[in-house]
Amino acid sequence: MDIVFEYRQILLEGAGVTVSLAVLSLLLSIVFGLMGAFAKLSQSRITRRIGGIYTTFVRSVPDLVLMMLIFYGASAKRPAFGAM
């Protein structure tokens, strides 16, 4: 129990990061979901088509694979550490 007391500040910071990441993920998913829904309900044929492609892609790819695509795809766009 002394170890938990010793590392309480680090544990609280980690919990704060976890909660803020969860809230940010929720907000982003709501925004992307609403954009896809509005695109599918649009009067424009092109916008409906793009919304259909987006929803088909997101629904057909398993969640873990989609998370890995986003994580590794985003890190591939970033320069490597120390490459500046």
PDB file of N, CA and C in Angstrom:
ATOM      1  N   MET A   1       0.815  -1.194   0.000  1.00  0.00           N
ATOM      2  CA  MET A   1       0.000   0.000   0.000  1.00  0.00           C
ATOM      3  C   MET A   1       0.858   1.256   0.000  1.00  0.00           C
ATOM      4  N   ASP A   2       2.068   1.131   0.524  1.00  0.00           N
ATOM      5  CA  ASP A   2       2.974   2.285   0.541  1.00  0.00           C
ATOM      6  C   ASP A   2       3.359   2.708  -0.869  1.00  0.00           C
ATOM      7  N   ILE A   3       3.413   1.728  -1.783  1.00  0.00           N
ATOM      8  CA  ILE A   3       3.790   2.045  -3.162  1.00  0.00           C
ATOM      9  C   ILE A   3       2.718   2.906  -3.823  1.00  0.00           C
ATOM     10  N   VAL A   4       1.452   2.586  -3.576  1.00  0.00           N
ATOM     11  CA  VAL A   4       0.363   3.393  -4.134  1.00  0.00           C
ATOM     12  C   VAL A   4       0.445   4.809  -3.591  1.00  0.00           C
ATOM     13  N   PHE A   5       0.685   4.949  -2.306  1.00  0.00           N
ATOM     14  CA  PHE A   5       0.813   6.271  -1.713  1.00  0.00           C
ATOM     15  C   PHE A   5       2.002   7.025  -2.287  1.00  0.00           C
ATOM     16  N   GLU A   6       3.073   6.293  -2.550  1.00  0.00           N
ATOM     17  CA  GLU A   6       4.284   6.907  -3.089  1.00  0.00           C
ATOM     18  C   GLU A   6       4.069   7.416  -4.516  1.00  0.00           C
ATOM     19  N   TYR A   7       3.295   6.697  -5.301  1.00  0.00           N
ATOM     20  CA  TYR A   7       3.078   7.055  -6.701  1.00  0.00           C
ATOM     21  C   TYR A   7       1.712   7.679  -6.953  1.00  0.00           C
ATOM     22  N   ARG A   8       1.063   8.191  -5.927  1.00  0.00           N
ATOM     23  CA  ARG A   8      -0.296   8.703  -6.096  1.00  0.00           C
ATOM     24  C   ARG A   8      -0.380   9.851  -7.095  1.00  0.00           C
ATOM     25  N   GLN A   9       0.611  10.716  -7.121  1.00  0.00           N
ATOM     26  CA  GLN A   9       0.581  11.848  -8.053  1.00  0.00           C
ATOM     27  C   GLN A   9       0.632  11.370  -9.502  1.00  0.00           C
ATOM     28  N   ILE A  10       1.493  10.414  -9.783  1.00  0.00           N
ATOM     29  CA  ILE A  10       1.602   9.871 -11.139  1.00  0.00           C
ATOM     30  C   ILE A  10       0.316   9.142 -11.526  1.00  0.00           C
ATOM     31  N   LEU A  11      -0.251   8.388 -10.574  1.00  0.00           N
ATOM     32  CA  LEU A  11      -1.498   7.675 -10.847  1.00  0.00           C
ATOM     33  C   LEU A  11      -2.651   8.638 -11.105  1.00  0.00           C
ATOM     34  N   LEU A  12      -2.732   9.717 -10.346  1.00  0.00           N
ATOM     35  CA  LEU A  12      -3.785  10.716 -10.565  1.00  0.00           C
ATOM     36  C   LEU A  12      -3.610  11.419 -11.910  1.00  0.00           C
ATOM     37  N   GLU A  13      -2.381  11.717 -12.285  1.00  0.00           N
ATOM     38  CA  GLU A  13      -2.136  12.333 -13.590  1.00  0.00           C
ATOM     39  C   GLU A  13      -2.540  11.386 -14.710  1.00  0.00           C
ATOM     40  N   GLY A  14      -2.212  10.104 -14.545  1.00  0.00           N
ATOM     41  CA  GLY A  14      -2.611   9.115 -15.544  1.00  0.00           C
ATOM     42  C   GLY A  14      -4.112   8.978 -15.653  1.00  0.00           C
ATOM     43  N   ALA A  15      -4.808   9.016 -14.522  1.00  0.00           N
ATOM     44  CA  ALA A  15      -6.272   8.957 -14.541  1.00  0.00           C
ATOM     45  C   ALA A  15      -6.852  10.188 -15.224  1.00  0.00           C
ATOM     46  N   GLY A  16      -6.248  11.343 -14.978  1.00  0.00           N
ATOM     47  CA  GLY A  16      -6.711  12.566 -15.642  1.00  0.00           C
ATOM     48  C   GLY A  16      -6.529  12.507 -17.147  1.00  0.00           C
ATOM     49  N   VAL A  17      -5.391  12.001 -17.594  1.00  0.00           N
ATOM     50  CA  VAL A  17      -5.140  11.854 -19.025  1.00  0.00           C
ATOM     51  C   VAL A  17      -6.133  10.869 -19.640  1.00  0.00           C
ATOM     52  N   THR A  18      -6.418   9.780 -18.939  1.00  0.00           N
ATOM     53  CA  THR A  18      -7.349   8.777 -19.434  1.00  0.00           C
ATOM     54  C   THR A  18      -8.746   9.351 -19.594  1.00  0.00           C
ATOM     55  N   VAL A  19      -9.213  10.083 -18.583  1.00  0.00           N
ATOM     56  CA  VAL A  19     -10.553  10.675 -18.650  1.00  0.00           C
ATOM     57  C   VAL A  19     -10.630  11.724 -19.754  1.00  0.00           C
ATOM     58  N   SER A  20      -9.609  12.578 -19.859  1.00  0.00           N
ATOM     59  CA  SER A  20      -9.643  13.608 -20.910  1.00  0.00           C
ATOM     60  C   SER A  20      -9.582  12.991 -22.299  1.00  0.00           C
ATOM     61  N   LEU A  21      -8.822  11.917 -22.465  1.00  0.00           N
ATOM     62  CA  LEU A  21      -8.770  11.234 -23.755  1.00  0.00           C
ATOM     63  C   LEU A  21     -10.104  10.587 -24.092  1.00  0.00           C
ATOM     64  N   ALA A  22     -10.776  10.030 -23.094  1.00  0.00           N
ATOM     65  CA  ALA A  22     -12.087   9.422 -23.314  1.00  0.00           C
ATOM     66  C   ALA A  22     -13.116  10.473 -23.724  1.00  0.00           C
ATOM     67  N   VAL A  23     -13.096  11.621 -23.063  1.00  0.00           N
ATOM     68  CA  VAL A  23     -14.043  12.694 -23.399  1.00  0.00           C
ATOM     69  C   VAL A  23     -13.761  13.231 -24.801  1.00  0.00           C
ATOM     70  N   LEU A  24     -12.498  13.436 -25.126  1.00  0.00           N
ATOM     71  CA  LEU A  24     -12.133  13.912 -26.458  1.00  0.00           C
ATOM     72  C   LEU A  24     -12.546  12.910 -27.536  1.00  0.00           C
ATOM     73  N   SER A  25     -12.345  11.633 -27.273  1.00  0.00           N
ATOM     74  CA  SER A  25     -12.748  10.600 -28.230  1.00  0.00           C
ATOM     75  C   SER A  25     -14.258  10.594 -28.427  1.00  0.00           C
ATOM     76  N   LEU A  26     -14.993  10.758 -27.343  1.00  0.00           N
ATOM     77  CA  LEU A  26     -16.447  10.805 -27.436  1.00  0.00           C
ATOM     78  C   LEU A  26     -16.901  11.989 -28.282  1.00  0.00           C
ATOM     79  N   LEU A  27     -16.319  13.156 -28.033  1.00  0.00           N
ATOM     80  CA  LEU A  27     -16.695  14.346 -28.796  1.00  0.00           C
ATOM     81  C   LEU A  27     -16.360  14.194 -30.284  1.00  0.00           C
ATOM     82  N   LEU A  28     -15.176  13.664 -30.576  1.00  0.00           N
ATOM     83  CA  LEU A  28     -14.800  13.465 -31.977  1.00  0.00           C
ATOM     84  C   LEU A  28     -15.708  12.446 -32.664  1.00  0.00           C
ATOM     85  N   SER A  29     -16.073  11.396 -31.956  1.00  0.00           N
ATOM     86  CA  SER A  29     -16.946  10.392 -32.570  1.00  0.00           C
ATOM     87  C   SER A  29     -18.336  10.961 -32.827  1.00  0.00           C
ATOM     88  N   ILE A  30     -18.821  11.815 -31.948  1.00  0.00           N
ATOM     89  CA  ILE A  30     -20.115  12.454 -32.177  1.00  0.00           C
ATOM     90  C   ILE A  30     -20.051  13.360 -33.391  1.00  0.00           C
ATOM     91  N   VAL A  31     -18.983  14.135 -33.512  1.00  0.00           N
ATOM     92  CA  VAL A  31     -18.843  15.040 -34.653  1.00  0.00           C
ATOM     93  C   VAL A  31     -18.777  14.262 -35.964  1.00  0.00           C
ATOM     94  N   PHE A  32     -17.926  13.221 -36.018  1.00  0.00           N
ATOM     95  CA  PHE A  32     -17.809  12.441 -37.250  1.00  0.00           C
ATOM     96  C   PHE A  32     -19.097  11.690 -37.563  1.00  0.00           C
ATOM     97  N   GLY A  33     -19.771  11.185 -36.536  1.00  0.00           N
ATOM     98  CA  GLY A  33     -21.039  10.494 -36.748  1.00  0.00           C
ATOM     99  C   GLY A  33     -22.113  11.419 -37.293  1.00  0.00           C
ATOM    100  N   LEU A  34     -22.194  12.621 -36.739  1.00  0.00           N
ATOM    101  CA  LEU A  34     -23.172  13.590 -37.244  1.00  0.00           C
ATOM    102  C   LEU A  34     -22.848  14.036 -38.668  1.00  0.00           C
ATOM    103  N   MET A  35     -21.557  14.215 -38.959  1.00  0.00           N
ATOM    104  CA  MET A  35     -21.178  14.586 -40.325  1.00  0.00           C
ATOM    105  C   MET A  35     -21.572  13.491 -41.308  1.00  0.00           C
ATOM    106  N   GLY A  36     -21.351  12.234 -40.942  1.00  0.00           N
ATOM    107  CA  GLY A  36     -21.742  11.129 -41.807  1.00  0.00           C
ATOM    108  C   GLY A  36     -23.243  11.041 -41.974  1.00  0.00           C
ATOM    109  N   ALA A  37     -23.987  11.258 -40.883  1.00  0.00           N
ATOM    110  CA  ALA A  37     -25.449  11.215 -40.957  1.00  0.00           C
ATOM    111  C   ALA A  37     -25.994  12.347 -41.819  1.00  0.00           C
ATOM    112  N   PHE A  38     -25.472  13.551 -41.632  1.00  0.00           N
ATOM    113  CA  PHE A  38     -25.928  14.678 -42.449  1.00  0.00           C
ATOM    114  C   PHE A  38     -25.562  14.479 -43.921  1.00  0.00           C
ATOM    115  N   ALA A  39     -24.410  13.877 -44.164  1.00  0.00           N
ATOM    116  CA  ALA A  39     -24.014  13.619 -45.554  1.00  0.00           C
ATOM    117  C   ALA A  39     -24.964  12.616 -46.201  1.00  0.00           C
ATOM    118  N   LYS A  40     -25.355  11.585 -45.473  1.00  0.00           N
ATOM    119  CA  LYS A  40     -26.261  10.581 -46.035  1.00  0.00           C
ATOM    120  C   LYS A  40     -27.673  11.121 -46.231  1.00  0.00           C
ATOM    121  N   LEU A  41     -28.051  12.136 -45.455  1.00  0.00           N
ATOM    122  CA  LEU A  41     -29.383  12.727 -45.581  1.00  0.00           C
ATOM    123  C   LEU A  41     -29.391  13.955 -46.482  1.00  0.00           C
ATOM    124  N   SER A  42     -28.276  14.277 -47.082  1.00  0.00           N
ATOM    125  CA  SER A  42     -28.152  15.473 -47.911  1.00  0.00           C
ATOM    126  C   SER A  42     -28.957  15.341 -49.202  1.00  0.00           C
ATOM    127  N   GLN A  43     -29.299  16.475 -49.758  1.00  0.00           N
ATOM    128  CA  GLN A  43     -29.988  16.499 -51.040  1.00  0.00           C
ATOM    129  C   GLN A  43     -29.027  16.302 -52.204  1.00  0.00           C
ATOM    130  N   SER A  44     -27.758  16.621 -51.989  1.00  0.00           N
ATOM    131  CA  SER A  44     -26.747  16.496 -53.022  1.00  0.00           C
ATOM    132  C   SER A  44     -26.382  15.029 -53.230  1.00  0.00           C
ATOM    133  N   ARG A  45     -26.366  14.626 -54.469  1.00  0.00           N
ATOM    134  CA  ARG A  45     -26.060  13.240 -54.803  1.00  0.00           C
ATOM    135  C   ARG A  45     -24.607  12.880 -54.460  1.00  0.00           C
ATOM    136  N   ILE A  46     -23.696  13.801 -54.728  1.00  0.00           N
ATOM    137  CA  ILE A  46     -22.279  13.565 -54.457  1.00  0.00           C
ATOM    138  C   ILE A  46     -22.039  13.445 -52.951  1.00  0.00           C
ATOM    139  N   THR A  47     -22.662  14.325 -52.180  1.00  0.00           N
ATOM    140  CA  THR A  47     -22.491  14.283 -50.728  1.00  0.00           C
ATOM    141  C   THR A  47     -23.067  12.993 -50.156  1.00  0.00           C
ATOM    142  N   ARG A  48     -24.224  12.565 -50.669  1.00  0.00           N
ATOM    143  CA  ARG A  48     -24.797  11.290 -50.224  1.00  0.00           C
ATOM    144  C   ARG A  48     -23.874  10.131 -50.546  1.00  0.00           C
ATOM    145  N   ARG A  49     -23.254  10.181 -51.706  1.00  0.00           N
ATOM    146  CA  ARG A  49     -22.333   9.110 -52.125  1.00  0.00           C
ATOM    147  C   ARG A  49     -21.108   9.069 -51.209  1.00  0.00           C
ATOM    148  N   ILE A  50     -20.536  10.235 -50.906  1.00  0.00           N
ATOM    149  CA  ILE A  50     -19.383  10.307 -50.009  1.00  0.00           C
ATOM    150  C   ILE A  50     -19.778   9.810 -48.614  1.00  0.00           C
ATOM    151  N   GLY A  51     -20.940  10.212 -48.126  1.00  0.00           N
ATOM    152  CA  GLY A  51     -21.425   9.739 -46.833  1.00  0.00           C
ATOM    153  C   GLY A  51     -21.631   8.232 -46.825  1.00  0.00           C
ATOM    154  N   GLY A  52     -22.127   7.692 -47.920  1.00  0.00           N
ATOM    155  CA  GLY A  52     -22.310   6.248 -48.018  1.00  0.00           C
ATOM    156  C   GLY A  52     -20.988   5.498 -48.015  1.00  0.00           C
ATOM    157  N   ILE A  53     -20.004   6.029 -48.725  1.00  0.00           N
ATOM    158  CA  ILE A  53     -18.675   5.402 -48.732  1.00  0.00           C
ATOM    159  C   ILE A  53     -18.053   5.459 -47.349  1.00  0.00           C
ATOM    160  N   TYR A  54     -18.174   6.618 -46.694  1.00  0.00           N
ATOM    161  CA  TYR A  54     -17.619   6.771 -45.345  1.00  0.00           C
ATOM    162  C   TYR A  54     -18.257   5.781 -44.375  1.00  0.00           C
ATOM    163  N   THR A  55     -19.580   5.714 -44.345  1.00  0.00           N
ATOM    164  CA  THR A  55     -20.237   4.821 -43.397  1.00  0.00           C
ATOM    165  C   THR A  55     -19.981   3.355 -43.728  1.00  0.00           C
ATOM    166  N   THR A  56     -19.898   3.014 -45.006  1.00  0.00           N
ATOM    167  CA  THR A  56     -19.587   1.637 -45.378  1.00  0.00           C
ATOM    168  C   THR A  56     -18.189   1.265 -44.913  1.00  0.00           C
ATOM    169  N   PHE A  57     -17.231   2.155 -45.097  1.00  0.00           N
ATOM    170  CA  PHE A  57     -15.859   1.891 -44.666  1.00  0.00           C
ATOM    171  C   PHE A  57     -15.780   1.734 -43.154  1.00  0.00           C
ATOM    172  N   VAL A  58     -16.374   2.658 -42.418  1.00  0.00           N
ATOM    173  CA  VAL A  58     -16.274   2.639 -40.958  1.00  0.00           C
ATOM    174  C   VAL A  58     -17.006   1.430 -40.381  1.00  0.00           C
ATOM    175  N   ARG A  59     -18.138   1.063 -40.957  1.00  0.00           N
ATOM    176  CA  ARG A  59     -18.897  -0.074 -40.423  1.00  0.00           C
ATOM    177  C   ARG A  59     -18.306  -1.415 -40.830  1.00  0.00           C
ATOM    178  N   SER A  60     -17.602  -1.474 -41.948  1.00  0.00           N
ATOM    179  CA  SER A  60     -17.108  -2.761 -42.428  1.00  0.00           C
ATOM    180  C   SER A  60     -15.733  -3.130 -41.865  1.00  0.00           C
ATOM    181  N   VAL A  61     -14.968  -2.143 -41.419  1.00  0.00           N
ATOM    182  CA  VAL A  61     -13.641  -2.411 -40.866  1.00  0.00           C
ATOM    183  C   VAL A  61     -13.788  -2.650 -39.361  1.00  0.00           C
ATOM    184  N   PRO A  62     -13.229  -3.738 -38.837  1.00  0.00           N
ATOM    185  CA  PRO A  62     -13.309  -3.974 -37.384  1.00  0.00           C
ATOM    186  C   PRO A  62     -12.675  -2.832 -36.593  1.00  0.00           C
ATOM    187  N   ASP A  63     -13.185  -2.620 -35.388  1.00  0.00           N
ATOM    188  CA  ASP A  63     -12.748  -1.481 -34.564  1.00  0.00           C
ATOM    189  C   ASP A  63     -11.251  -1.478 -34.301  1.00  0.00           C
ATOM    190  N   LEU A  64     -10.707  -2.630 -33.946  1.00  0.00           N
ATOM    191  CA  LEU A  64      -9.278  -2.689 -33.629  1.00  0.00           C
ATOM    192  C   LEU A  64      -8.428  -2.357 -34.851  1.00  0.00           C
ATOM    193  N   VAL A  65      -8.827  -2.854 -36.010  1.00  0.00           N
ATOM    194  CA  VAL A  65      -8.085  -2.554 -37.242  1.00  0.00           C
ATOM    195  C   VAL A  65      -8.178  -1.065 -37.563  1.00  0.00           C
ATOM    196  N   LEU A  66      -9.355  -0.476 -37.372  1.00  0.00           N
ATOM    197  CA  LEU A  66      -9.527   0.954 -37.625  1.00  0.00           C
ATOM    198  C   LEU A  66      -8.669   1.780 -36.676  1.00  0.00           C
ATOM    199  N   MET A  67      -8.607   1.383 -35.398  1.00  0.00           N
ATOM    200  CA  MET A  67      -7.756   2.100 -34.445  1.00  0.00           C
ATOM    201  C   MET A  67      -6.285   1.998 -34.832  1.00  0.00           C
ATOM    202  N   MET A  68      -5.864   0.814 -35.286  1.00  0.00           N
ATOM    203  CA  MET A  68      -4.469   0.649 -35.695  1.00  0.00           C
ATOM    204  C   MET A  68      -4.171   1.457 -36.959  1.00  0.00           C
ATOM    205  N   LEU A  69      -5.122   1.504 -37.895  1.00  0.00           N
ATOM    206  CA  LEU A  69      -4.931   2.317 -39.103  1.00  0.00           C
ATOM    207  C   LEU A  69      -4.760   3.785 -38.754  1.00  0.00           C
ATOM    208  N   ILE A  70      -5.592   4.277 -37.860  1.00  0.00           N
ATOM    209  CA  ILE A  70      -5.499   5.685 -37.469  1.00  0.00           C
ATOM    210  C   ILE A  70      -4.197   5.944 -36.715  1.00  0.00           C
ATOM    211  N   PHE A  71      -3.856   5.068 -35.769  1.00  0.00           N
ATOM    212  CA  PHE A  71      -2.654   5.273 -34.958  1.00  0.00           C
ATOM    213  C   PHE A  71      -1.392   5.234 -35.812  1.00  0.00           C
ATOM    214  N   TYR A  72      -1.235   4.171 -36.597  1.00  0.00           N
ATOM    215  CA  TYR A  72      -0.016   4.040 -37.393  1.00  0.00           C
ATOM    216  C   TYR A  72      -0.024   4.980 -38.594  1.00  0.00           C
ATOM    217  N   GLY A  73      -1.194   5.288 -39.118  1.00  0.00           N
ATOM    218  CA  GLY A  73      -1.268   6.247 -40.217  1.00  0.00           C
ATOM    219  C   GLY A  73      -0.894   7.644 -39.771  1.00  0.00           C
ATOM    220  N   ALA A  74      -1.344   8.018 -38.570  1.00  0.00           N
ATOM    221  CA  ALA A  74      -1.004   9.345 -38.036  1.00  0.00           C
ATOM    222  C   ALA A  74       0.472   9.418 -37.686  1.00  0.00           C
ATOM    223  N   SER A  75       1.039   8.329 -37.181  1.00  0.00           N
ATOM    224  CA  SER A  75       2.456   8.370 -36.826  1.00  0.00           C
ATOM    225  C   SER A  75       3.344   8.331 -38.070  1.00  0.00           C
ATOM    226  N   ALA A  76       2.844   7.809 -39.175  1.00  0.00           N
ATOM    227  CA  ALA A  76       3.624   7.799 -40.404  1.00  0.00           C
ATOM    228  C   ALA A  76       3.720   9.208 -40.999  1.00  0.00           C
ATOM    229  N   LYS A  77       2.738  10.054 -40.733  1.00  0.00           N
ATOM    230  CA  LYS A  77       2.755  11.434 -41.241  1.00  0.00           C
ATOM    231  C   LYS A  77       3.673  12.330 -40.421  1.00  0.00           C
ATOM    232  N   ARG A  78       3.931  11.952 -39.167  1.00  0.00           N
ATOM    233  CA  ARG A  78       4.808  12.730 -38.297  1.00  0.00           C
ATOM    234  C   ARG A  78       6.258  12.432 -38.608  1.00  0.00           C
ATOM    235  N   PRO A  79       7.141  13.419 -38.523  1.00  0.00           N
ATOM    236  CA  PRO A  79       8.562  13.121 -38.692  1.00  0.00           C
ATOM    237  C   PRO A  79       9.069  12.313 -37.499  1.00  0.00           C
ATOM    238  N   ALA A  80      10.066  11.501 -37.744  1.00  0.00           N
ATOM    239  CA  ALA A  80      10.648  10.686 -36.676  1.00  0.00           C
ATOM    240  C   ALA A  80      11.294  11.597 -35.642  1.00  0.00           C
ATOM    241  N   PHE A  81      11.399  11.088 -34.414  1.00  0.00           N
ATOM    242  CA  PHE A  81      11.996  11.866 -33.321  1.00  0.00           C
ATOM    243  C   PHE A  81      13.445  12.164 -33.665  1.00  0.00           C
ATOM    244  N   GLY A  82      13.804  13.432 -33.572  1.00  0.00           N
ATOM    245  CA  GLY A  82      15.181  13.840 -33.837  1.00  0.00           C
ATOM    246  C   GLY A  82      15.490  14.051 -35.316  1.00  0.00           C
ATOM    247  N   ALA A  83      14.469  13.953 -36.178  1.00  0.00           N
ATOM    248  CA  ALA A  83      14.711  14.085 -37.611  1.00  0.00           C
ATOM    249  C   ALA A  83      14.649  15.532 -38.081  1.00  0.00           C
ATOM    250  N   MET A  84      14.422  16.443 -37.138  1.00  0.00           N
ATOM    251  CA  MET A  84      14.272  17.840 -37.532  1.00  0.00           C
ATOM    252  C   MET A  84      15.553  18.453 -37.827  1.00  0.00           C
TER     253      MET A  84
END
